[in-house]
Amino acid sequence: MIKTKPLLFIIALATLTFCNSKKEDKSPEIQESIKRGSEVYNDFCMACHLPNGQGVPRTFPPLAKSDYLMNKRAESIKAIKYGQKGKITVNGVEYDNVMTPLGLSDQEVADVMNYITNSWGNTNNKMVTEDEVSKIQP
């Protein structure tokens, strides 16, 4: 007779480890930044981009699974830091609206970037830092 309890325990442990590995892959530093960024997002960004990051079609672009956000890192940082006006294309849809400057510190911009680039289907393995944000000019 095969003892299945130890085998089931090993399978359950392996499954649990695999399912939680993405979270554990993030350093404590980026995890803290993401946590702070979620607070910034809730306070400043959620009204337009919505709790799920989907935005408002043709008005406020989505952040969820956003090609612009993930492929245009410097432009995304600049938009958060200084505001955005003019046409941009996100996931094949053109947006031409104004995002006013939010008055965030460089650290808050970095934190919210880390949050949104690691939420709603976005994955960013390169942490946005306060130093990187400070080098972005208008």
Protein backbone atom coordinates (compact mmCIF):
# COMPACT_ATOMS: atom_id res chain seq x y z
CA MET A 1 0.00 0.00 0.00
CA ILE A 2 1.36 3.42 -1.02
CA LYS A 3 1.34 6.08 1.65
CA THR A 4 -0.41 9.02 -0.03
CA LYS A 5 -0.41 11.51 2.84
CA PRO A 6 3.27 12.45 2.51
CA LEU A 7 2.91 12.62 -1.27
CA LEU A 8 -0.17 14.84 -1.00
CA PHE A 9 1.67 17.08 1.46
CA ILE A 10 4.60 17.46 -0.95
CA ILE A 11 2.27 18.25 -3.86
CA ALA A 12 0.33 20.80 -1.78
CA LEU A 13 3.55 22.44 -0.59
CA ALA A 14 4.95 22.61 -4.11
CA THR A 15 1.69 24.10 -5.42
CA LEU A 16 1.58 26.68 -2.65
CA THR A 17 5.20 27.63 -3.24
CA PHE A 18 4.69 27.96 -7.00
CA CYS A 19 1.51 30.04 -6.66
CA ASN A 20 3.12 32.46 -4.24
CA SER A 21 6.50 32.67 -5.96
CA LYS A 22 5.77 35.94 -7.82
CA LYS A 23 5.21 37.78 -4.55
CA GLU A 24 8.32 36.28 -3.00
CA ASP A 25 10.42 37.20 -6.04
CA LYS A 26 9.96 40.87 -5.18
CA SER A 27 12.48 42.33 -2.75
CA PRO A 28 11.21 43.75 0.54
CA GLU A 29 12.21 47.20 -0.79
CA ILE A 30 9.94 47.01 -3.84
CA GLN A 31 7.15 45.40 -1.81
CA GLU A 32 7.20 48.40 0.54
CA SER A 33 7.26 50.80 -2.42
CA ILE A 34 4.28 49.03 -3.99
CA LYS A 35 2.40 49.27 -0.68
CA ARG A 36 3.08 53.02 -0.44
CA GLY A 37 2.21 53.39 -4.13
CA SER A 38 -1.19 51.80 -3.61
CA GLU A 39 -1.98 54.55 -1.09
CA VAL A 40 -0.85 57.25 -3.55
CA TYR A 41 -2.96 55.61 -6.27
CA ASN A 42 -6.04 55.53 -4.06
CA ASP A 43 -5.59 59.19 -3.11
CA PHE A 44 -4.68 60.70 -6.50
CA CYS A 45 -5.27 58.34 -9.43
CA MET A 46 -8.25 56.11 -8.72
CA ALA A 47 -10.92 58.72 -9.52
CA CYS A 48 -9.92 58.77 -13.21
CA HIS A 49 -8.22 55.41 -13.75
CA LEU A 50 -10.70 53.52 -11.50
CA PRO A 51 -9.99 50.97 -8.74
CA ASN A 52 -9.24 48.25 -11.30
CA GLY A 53 -6.93 50.40 -13.45
CA GLN A 54 -9.28 50.10 -16.45
CA GLY A 55 -9.67 53.85 -16.96
CA VAL A 56 -12.60 55.37 -18.84
CA PRO A 57 -12.79 54.48 -22.54
CA ARG A 58 -11.55 57.28 -24.81
CA THR A 59 -11.26 59.64 -21.82
CA PHE A 60 -8.74 58.28 -19.29
CA PRO A 61 -6.42 55.53 -20.55
CA PRO A 62 -6.22 52.17 -18.87
CA LEU A 63 -3.27 51.34 -16.67
CA ALA A 64 -4.25 47.67 -16.54
CA LYS A 65 -2.30 45.69 -19.13
CA SER A 66 -1.17 49.01 -20.61
CA ASP A 67 1.34 48.82 -23.43
CA TYR A 68 2.12 52.54 -23.05
CA LEU A 69 2.84 52.26 -19.34
CA MET A 70 5.07 49.23 -19.78
CA ASN A 71 6.88 50.31 -22.97
CA LYS A 72 7.27 54.04 -22.35
CA ARG A 73 8.69 54.12 -18.85
CA ALA A 74 10.23 57.63 -18.96
CA GLU A 75 7.13 59.12 -20.61
CA SER A 76 4.91 57.48 -17.98
CA ILE A 77 7.05 58.84 -15.15
CA LYS A 78 7.01 62.27 -16.78
CA ALA A 79 3.20 62.20 -17.08
CA ILE A 80 2.79 61.40 -13.40
CA LYS A 81 5.41 63.92 -12.34
CA TYR A 82 4.43 66.87 -14.57
CA GLY A 83 1.02 66.00 -15.99
CA GLN A 84 0.12 64.98 -19.53
CA LYS A 85 -1.55 66.74 -22.42
CA GLY A 86 -1.75 65.86 -26.06
CA LYS A 87 -2.37 62.66 -27.92
CA ILE A 88 -1.11 59.32 -26.71
CA THR A 89 -2.01 55.84 -27.87
CA VAL A 90 -2.66 53.14 -25.29
CA ASN A 91 -3.45 49.58 -26.34
CA GLY A 92 -4.27 50.82 -29.86
CA VAL A 93 -6.72 53.51 -28.70
CA GLU A 94 -5.94 57.22 -29.03
CA TYR A 95 -6.44 59.48 -26.01
CA ASP A 96 -6.29 63.27 -26.13
CA ASN A 97 -7.10 64.60 -22.71
CA VAL A 98 -5.32 66.49 -19.95
CA MET A 99 -3.87 65.00 -16.80
CA THR A 100 -3.01 67.83 -14.43
CA PRO A 101 0.19 67.72 -12.39
CA LEU A 102 -0.52 66.04 -9.08
CA GLY A 103 2.20 67.71 -7.02
CA LEU A 104 3.75 64.40 -5.95
CA SER A 105 7.27 64.07 -4.59
CA ASP A 106 9.79 62.05 -6.59
CA GLN A 107 9.44 59.23 -4.04
CA GLU A 108 5.64 59.23 -4.40
CA VAL A 109 5.97 59.11 -8.20
CA ALA A 110 8.38 56.16 -7.92
CA ASP A 111 6.07 54.38 -5.48
CA VAL A 112 2.95 54.81 -7.60
CA MET A 113 4.87 53.70 -10.70
CA ASN A 114 5.98 50.57 -8.86
CA TYR A 115 2.39 49.93 -7.82
CA ILE A 116 0.78 50.41 -11.23
CA THR A 117 3.51 48.55 -13.14
CA ASN A 118 2.98 45.55 -10.84
CA SER A 119 -0.84 45.54 -10.78
CA TRP A 120 -3.75 44.46 -13.01
CA GLY A 121 -1.71 42.20 -15.28
CA ASN A 122 1.38 44.41 -15.45
CA THR A 123 4.72 42.97 -14.33
CA ASN A 124 7.81 45.08 -13.82
CA ASN A 125 11.01 43.49 -12.59
CA LYS A 126 13.02 46.74 -12.62
CA MET A 127 12.13 48.94 -9.66
CA VAL A 128 11.46 52.63 -10.33
CA THR A 129 13.57 54.64 -7.89
CA GLU A 130 13.39 58.17 -6.52
CA ASP A 131 16.75 58.86 -8.19
CA GLU A 132 15.40 57.75 -11.60
CA VAL A 133 12.34 59.99 -11.18
CA SER A 134 14.50 62.96 -10.15
CA LYS A 135 16.32 62.79 -13.49
CA ILE A 136 13.12 63.11 -15.55
CA GLN A 137 12.78 66.68 -16.79
CA PRO A 138 9.72 68.48 -18.24
